[in-house]
């Protein structure tokens, strides 16, 4: 089975973008694939001062933020390993609030890259490295359809059935490249017409 990345299409003009990390939130905690302690909701996140107003269904920055439509779509695809926290997005200049979003904590971080079939460039220090085009070892996923990648925890991997389900729903702002097409950077569709 092929695997894909859940990313935000960064080439959409005028899309929402998150600003600074709140002082009481550690973004590293959100990429560990583990349960978090109770968080008071709703969580308020600041948008970037340069943020547009186009409401996409996904905002990926320090934290993954999903619309209610994407949250429901993932549930419809059988994804049940996400803890959601009601989220408000506040524009720092206008003070306007967007209240249709959910902060998502993806549960599950799996070591599953087939290094023999992937491009991995180790750091000179010997600690960690840079992942580029990669292949997921299906057996190592233990059937999980949605998870963080242990080898690069900022990446969210989805299975082919989840991708097919999401593609048919008209969701805005999703970019779902194959893991073999990953270049090591945040992506987007060069074909986007917005």
C-alpha atoms as a PDB file:
ATOM      1  CA  UNK A   1       0.000   0.000   0.000  1.00  0.00           C
ATOM      2  CA  UNK A   2       1.198   3.511  -0.755  1.00  0.00           C
ATOM      3  CA  UNK A   3       1.417   6.186   1.915  1.00  0.00           C
ATOM      4  CA  UNK A   4       0.980   9.934   1.685  1.00  0.00           C
ATOM      5  CA  UNK A   5       1.622  13.043   3.728  1.00  0.00           C
ATOM      6  CA  UNK A   6      -1.072  15.262   5.164  1.00  0.00           C
ATOM      7  CA  UNK A   7       0.175  18.774   4.407  1.00  0.00           C
ATOM      8  CA  UNK A   8      -1.181  22.264   3.877  1.00  0.00           C
ATOM      9  CA  UNK A   9      -1.034  23.690   0.370  1.00  0.00           C
ATOM     10  CA  UNK A  10       1.209  26.674   1.046  1.00  0.00           C
ATOM     11  CA  UNK A  11       0.652  28.154  -2.405  1.00  0.00           C
ATOM     12  CA  UNK A  12      -2.926  29.274  -1.779  1.00  0.00           C
ATOM     13  CA  UNK A  13      -2.906  33.068  -1.685  1.00  0.00           C
ATOM     14  CA  UNK A  14      -4.644  34.704   1.241  1.00  0.00           C
ATOM     15  CA  UNK A  15      -4.798  31.617   3.443  1.00  0.00           C
ATOM     16  CA  UNK A  16      -4.780  31.688   7.224  1.00  0.00           C
ATOM     17  CA  UNK A  17      -1.382  31.301   8.892  1.00  0.00           C
ATOM     18  CA  UNK A  18      -0.514  30.895  12.549  1.00  0.00           C
ATOM     19  CA  UNK A  19       1.658  33.456  14.286  1.00  0.00           C
ATOM     20  CA  UNK A  20       3.906  33.126  17.326  1.00  0.00           C
ATOM     21  CA  UNK A  21       3.744  30.113  19.613  1.00  0.00           C
ATOM     22  CA  UNK A  22       1.824  30.881  22.827  1.00  0.00           C
ATOM     23  CA  UNK A  23       4.211  31.036  25.810  1.00  0.00           C
ATOM     24  CA  UNK A  24       2.271  28.358  27.695  1.00  0.00           C
ATOM     25  CA  UNK A  25       2.392  25.791  24.847  1.00  0.00           C
ATOM     26  CA  UNK A  26       5.410  23.715  23.852  1.00  0.00           C
ATOM     27  CA  UNK A  27       5.163  22.704  20.171  1.00  0.00           C
ATOM     28  CA  UNK A  28       7.550  19.786  20.786  1.00  0.00           C
ATOM     29  CA  UNK A  29       4.909  18.152  22.996  1.00  0.00           C
ATOM     30  CA  UNK A  30       2.516  18.160  20.029  1.00  0.00           C
ATOM     31  CA  UNK A  31       4.779  16.080  17.759  1.00  0.00           C
ATOM     32  CA  UNK A  32       5.509  13.239  20.165  1.00  0.00           C
ATOM     33  CA  UNK A  33       2.404  11.212  19.309  1.00  0.00           C
ATOM     34  CA  UNK A  34       1.488  10.967  22.993  1.00  0.00           C
ATOM     35  CA  UNK A  35      -1.501  11.970  25.093  1.00  0.00           C
ATOM     36  CA  UNK A  36      -1.224  15.456  26.543  1.00  0.00           C
ATOM     37  CA  UNK A  37      -2.325  16.571  29.995  1.00  0.00           C
ATOM     38  CA  UNK A  38      -5.727  18.235  30.208  1.00  0.00           C
ATOM     39  CA  UNK A  39      -5.764  21.505  28.319  1.00  0.00           C
ATOM     40  CA  UNK A  40      -8.333  24.210  29.091  1.00  0.00           C
ATOM     41  CA  UNK A  41     -10.475  24.889  26.046  1.00  0.00           C
ATOM     42  CA  UNK A  42     -11.113  26.753  23.927  1.00  0.00           C
ATOM     43  CA  UNK A  43      -7.449  27.308  23.098  1.00  0.00           C
ATOM     44  CA  UNK A  44      -6.761  30.699  21.511  1.00  0.00           C
ATOM     45  CA  UNK A  45      -4.006  30.820  18.899  1.00  0.00           C
ATOM     46  CA  UNK A  46      -2.787  34.035  17.310  1.00  0.00           C
ATOM     47  CA  UNK A  47      -2.761  34.319  13.550  1.00  0.00           C
ATOM     48  CA  UNK A  48       0.223  35.840  11.832  1.00  0.00           C
ATOM     49  CA  UNK A  49      -0.137  39.608  11.219  1.00  0.00           C
ATOM     50  CA  UNK A  50       0.286  38.780   7.510  1.00  0.00           C
ATOM     51  CA  UNK A  51      -2.392  36.091   7.618  1.00  0.00           C
ATOM     52  CA  UNK A  52      -5.043  36.215   4.944  1.00  0.00           C
ATOM     53  CA  UNK A  53      -8.737  35.520   5.414  1.00  0.00           C
ATOM     54  CA  UNK A  54      -9.262  32.467   3.198  1.00  0.00           C
ATOM     55  CA  UNK A  55     -10.595  29.670   5.405  1.00  0.00           C
ATOM     56  CA  UNK A  56      -8.835  26.443   4.503  1.00  0.00           C
ATOM     57  CA  UNK A  57      -9.647  23.143   6.196  1.00  0.00           C
ATOM     58  CA  UNK A  58      -6.092  22.685   7.465  1.00  0.00           C
ATOM     59  CA  UNK A  59      -3.452  24.953   8.973  1.00  0.00           C
ATOM     60  CA  UNK A  60      -0.106  23.315   9.664  1.00  0.00           C
ATOM     61  CA  UNK A  61       2.509  25.306  11.445  1.00  0.00           C
ATOM     62  CA  UNK A  62       3.740  24.760  14.976  1.00  0.00           C
ATOM     63  CA  UNK A  63       0.480  22.913  15.636  1.00  0.00           C
ATOM     64  CA  UNK A  64      -1.960  21.059  13.370  1.00  0.00           C
ATOM     65  CA  UNK A  65      -5.259  22.909  13.208  1.00  0.00           C
ATOM     66  CA  UNK A  66      -8.215  21.312  11.414  1.00  0.00           C
ATOM     67  CA  UNK A  67     -11.634  22.623  10.435  1.00  0.00           C
ATOM     68  CA  UNK A  68     -14.766  20.834  11.608  1.00  0.00           C
ATOM     69  CA  UNK A  69     -15.135  19.535   8.041  1.00  0.00           C
ATOM     70  CA  UNK A  70     -11.686  17.910   8.104  1.00  0.00           C
ATOM     71  CA  UNK A  71     -12.289  16.566  11.627  1.00  0.00           C
ATOM     72  CA  UNK A  72     -15.533  14.928  10.447  1.00  0.00           C
ATOM     73  CA  UNK A  73     -13.893  13.686   7.227  1.00  0.00           C
ATOM     74  CA  UNK A  74     -11.132  11.946   9.156  1.00  0.00           C
ATOM     75  CA  UNK A  75     -13.672  10.327  11.465  1.00  0.00           C
ATOM     76  CA  UNK A  76     -15.554   9.190   8.349  1.00  0.00           C
ATOM     77  CA  UNK A  77     -12.335   7.589   7.093  1.00  0.00           C
ATOM     78  CA  UNK A  78     -12.039   5.613  10.334  1.00  0.00           C
ATOM     79  CA  UNK A  79      -9.287   7.754  11.885  1.00  0.00           C
ATOM     80  CA  UNK A  80      -9.783   7.656  15.645  1.00  0.00           C
ATOM     81  CA  UNK A  81      -6.312   8.354  17.038  1.00  0.00           C
ATOM     82  CA  UNK A  82      -6.545  12.146  17.329  1.00  0.00           C
ATOM     83  CA  UNK A  83      -7.339  14.129  20.456  1.00  0.00           C
ATOM     84  CA  UNK A  84      -9.113  17.368  19.527  1.00  0.00           C
ATOM     85  CA  UNK A  85      -9.240  20.630  21.434  1.00  0.00           C
ATOM     86  CA  UNK A  86     -11.645  23.413  20.523  1.00  0.00           C
ATOM     87  CA  UNK A  87      -9.606  26.247  19.070  1.00  0.00           C
ATOM     88  CA  UNK A  88     -10.157  29.933  18.340  1.00  0.00           C
ATOM     89  CA  UNK A  89      -7.945  31.799  15.920  1.00  0.00           C
ATOM     90  CA  UNK A  90      -7.448  35.476  16.731  1.00  0.00           C
ATOM     91  CA  UNK A  91      -6.060  38.041  14.332  1.00  0.00           C
ATOM     92  CA  UNK A  92      -3.514  40.180  16.262  1.00  0.00           C
ATOM     93  CA  UNK A  93      -4.417  43.449  14.542  1.00  0.00           C
ATOM     94  CA  UNK A  94      -8.171  43.305  14.056  1.00  0.00           C
ATOM     95  CA  UNK A  95      -8.933  41.075  17.038  1.00  0.00           C
ATOM     96  CA  UNK A  96     -11.354  39.097  14.861  1.00  0.00           C
ATOM     97  CA  UNK A  97     -11.885  35.522  15.989  1.00  0.00           C
ATOM     98  CA  UNK A  98     -12.406  32.423  13.856  1.00  0.00           C
ATOM     99  CA  UNK A  99     -14.087  29.726  15.927  1.00  0.00           C
ATOM    100  CA  UNK A 100     -14.566  26.803  13.544  1.00  0.00           C
ATOM    101  CA  UNK A 101     -11.253  25.056  14.188  1.00  0.00           C
ATOM    102  CA  UNK A 102      -9.807  22.216  16.245  1.00  0.00           C
ATOM    103  CA  UNK A 103      -6.273  21.848  17.549  1.00  0.00           C
ATOM    104  CA  UNK A 104      -5.295  18.238  16.770  1.00  0.00           C
ATOM    105  CA  UNK A 105      -2.949  16.028  18.745  1.00  0.00           C
ATOM    106  CA  UNK A 106      -2.100  13.013  16.572  1.00  0.00           C
ATOM    107  CA  UNK A 107      -1.653   9.934  18.760  1.00  0.00           C
ATOM    108  CA  UNK A 108       0.909   7.502  17.447  1.00  0.00           C
ATOM    109  CA  UNK A 109       4.455   8.041  16.256  1.00  0.00           C
ATOM    110  CA  UNK A 110       5.832   5.089  14.331  1.00  0.00           C
ATOM    111  CA  UNK A 111       9.346   4.134  13.257  1.00  0.00           C
ATOM    112  CA  UNK A 112       8.526   2.754   9.811  1.00  0.00           C
ATOM    113  CA  UNK A 113      10.780   4.246   7.107  1.00  0.00           C
ATOM    114  CA  UNK A 114      12.368   1.602   4.894  1.00  0.00           C
ATOM    115  CA  UNK A 115      15.848   3.165   4.846  1.00  0.00           C
ATOM    116  CA  UNK A 116      17.043   0.871   2.039  1.00  0.00           C
ATOM    117  CA  UNK A 117      14.431   2.370  -0.294  1.00  0.00           C
ATOM    118  CA  UNK A 118      14.551   5.940   0.999  1.00  0.00           C
ATOM    119  CA  UNK A 119      16.799   8.984   0.915  1.00  0.00           C
ATOM    120  CA  UNK A 120      18.094   9.818   4.377  1.00  0.00           C
ATOM    121  CA  UNK A 121      21.028  12.191   4.831  1.00  0.00           C
ATOM    122  CA  UNK A 122      22.621  11.828   8.289  1.00  0.00           C
ATOM    123  CA  UNK A 123      23.939  14.913  10.042  1.00  0.00           C
ATOM    124  CA  UNK A 124      27.729  15.175  10.416  1.00  0.00           C
ATOM    125  CA  UNK A 125      27.270  14.985  14.197  1.00  0.00           C
ATOM    126  CA  UNK A 126      25.753  11.530  13.819  1.00  0.00           C
ATOM    127  CA  UNK A 127      22.587  12.608  15.622  1.00  0.00           C
ATOM    128  CA  UNK A 128      19.549  12.605  13.376  1.00  0.00           C
ATOM    129  CA  UNK A 129      19.408  13.623   9.771  1.00  0.00           C
ATOM    130  CA  UNK A 130      17.251  14.855   6.906  1.00  0.00           C
ATOM    131  CA  UNK A 131      14.610  12.674   5.339  1.00  0.00           C
ATOM    132  CA  UNK A 132      13.722  13.126   1.674  1.00  0.00           C
ATOM    133  CA  UNK A 133      11.838  10.751  -0.604  1.00  0.00           C
ATOM    134  CA  UNK A 134      10.890   7.780   1.508  1.00  0.00           C
ATOM    135  CA  UNK A 135       8.995   4.515   1.544  1.00  0.00           C
ATOM    136  CA  UNK A 136       6.957   3.312   4.492  1.00  0.00           C
ATOM    137  CA  UNK A 137       7.438  -0.291   5.625  1.00  0.00           C
ATOM    138  CA  UNK A 138       3.804  -1.426   5.737  1.00  0.00           C
ATOM    139  CA  UNK A 139       4.441  -4.129   8.348  1.00  0.00           C
ATOM    140  CA  UNK A 140       5.907  -1.581  10.758  1.00  0.00           C
ATOM    141  CA  UNK A 141       2.681   0.500  10.737  1.00  0.00           C
ATOM    142  CA  UNK A 142       0.686  -2.316  12.393  1.00  0.00           C
ATOM    143  CA  UNK A 143      -2.308  -1.285  10.285  1.00  0.00           C
ATOM    144  CA  UNK A 144      -2.452   2.306  11.556  1.00  0.00           C
ATOM    145  CA  UNK A 145      -3.844   4.626   8.844  1.00  0.00           C
ATOM    146  CA  UNK A 146      -2.894   7.993  10.353  1.00  0.00           C
ATOM    147  CA  UNK A 147       0.224   8.704  12.415  1.00  0.00           C
ATOM    148  CA  UNK A 148       3.301  10.812  12.986  1.00  0.00           C
ATOM    149  CA  UNK A 149       6.550   9.580  11.529  1.00  0.00           C
ATOM    150  CA  UNK A 150       9.157   8.703  14.150  1.00  0.00           C
ATOM    151  CA  UNK A 151      12.029   9.502  11.792  1.00  0.00           C
ATOM    152  CA  UNK A 152      10.654  13.034  11.260  1.00  0.00           C
ATOM    153  CA  UNK A 153       7.989  13.780  13.831  1.00  0.00           C
ATOM    154  CA  UNK A 154       6.706  16.932  12.149  1.00  0.00           C
ATOM    155  CA  UNK A 155       5.285  14.781   9.330  1.00  0.00           C
ATOM    156  CA  UNK A 156       1.813  13.234   9.436  1.00  0.00           C
ATOM    157  CA  UNK A 157       1.477  10.090   7.306  1.00  0.00           C
ATOM    158  CA  UNK A 158      -1.834   8.782   5.961  1.00  0.00           C
ATOM    159  CA  UNK A 159      -2.731   5.546   4.220  1.00  0.00           C
ATOM    160  CA  UNK A 160      -4.047   5.313   0.684  1.00  0.00           C
ATOM    161  CA  UNK A 161      -7.665   4.631   1.801  1.00  0.00           C
ATOM    162  CA  UNK A 162      -7.628   7.779   3.963  1.00  0.00           C
ATOM    163  CA  UNK A 163      -6.219   9.797   1.059  1.00  0.00           C
ATOM    164  CA  UNK A 164      -8.924   8.527  -1.320  1.00  0.00           C
ATOM    165  CA  UNK A 165     -11.626   9.389   1.213  1.00  0.00           C
ATOM    166  CA  UNK A 166     -10.328  12.935   1.749  1.00  0.00           C
ATOM    167  CA  UNK A 167      -9.872  13.649  -1.967  1.00  0.00           C
ATOM    168  CA  UNK A 168     -13.534  13.157  -2.729  1.00  0.00           C
ATOM    169  CA  UNK A 169     -14.865  15.694  -0.232  1.00  0.00           C
ATOM    170  CA  UNK A 170     -13.853  19.059  -1.697  1.00  0.00           C
ATOM    171  CA  UNK A 171     -11.749  20.036   1.314  1.00  0.00           C
ATOM    172  CA  UNK A 172      -9.792  23.276   0.899  1.00  0.00           C
ATOM    173  CA  UNK A 173      -6.043  23.610   1.343  1.00  0.00           C
ATOM    174  CA  UNK A 174      -5.005  19.969   1.644  1.00  0.00           C
ATOM    175  CA  UNK A 175      -1.892  18.756  -0.156  1.00  0.00           C
ATOM    176  CA  UNK A 176      -1.418  14.981  -0.102  1.00  0.00           C
ATOM    177  CA  UNK A 177       1.869  14.036  -1.813  1.00  0.00           C
ATOM    178  CA  UNK A 178       3.151  10.465  -1.893  1.00  0.00           C
ATOM    179  CA  UNK A 179       5.946   9.873   0.588  1.00  0.00           C
ATOM    180  CA  UNK A 180       8.171   9.020  -2.391  1.00  0.00           C
ATOM    181  CA  UNK A 181       7.650  12.595  -3.680  1.00  0.00           C
ATOM    182  CA  UNK A 182       8.604  14.316  -0.419  1.00  0.00           C
ATOM    183  CA  UNK A 183      11.450  16.784  -0.951  1.00  0.00           C
ATOM    184  CA  UNK A 184      12.179  17.680   2.649  1.00  0.00           C
ATOM    185  CA  UNK A 185      10.156  20.907   2.555  1.00  0.00           C
ATOM    186  CA  UNK A 186       6.581  21.940   3.179  1.00  0.00           C
ATOM    187  CA  UNK A 187       4.688  21.492  -0.035  1.00  0.00           C
ATOM    188  CA  UNK A 188       1.821  22.690  -2.073  1.00  0.00           C
ATOM    189  CA  UNK A 189       0.256  22.298  -5.423  1.00  0.00           C
ATOM    190  CA  UNK A 190       1.823  24.326  -8.188  1.00  0.00           C
ATOM    191  CA  UNK A 191      -1.455  23.776 -10.032  1.00  0.00           C
ATOM    192  CA  UNK A 192      -3.573  25.667  -7.503  1.00  0.00           C
ATOM    193  CA  UNK A 193      -5.573  28.375  -9.259  1.00  0.00           C
ATOM    194  CA  UNK A 194      -6.672  30.513  -6.302  1.00  0.00           C
END
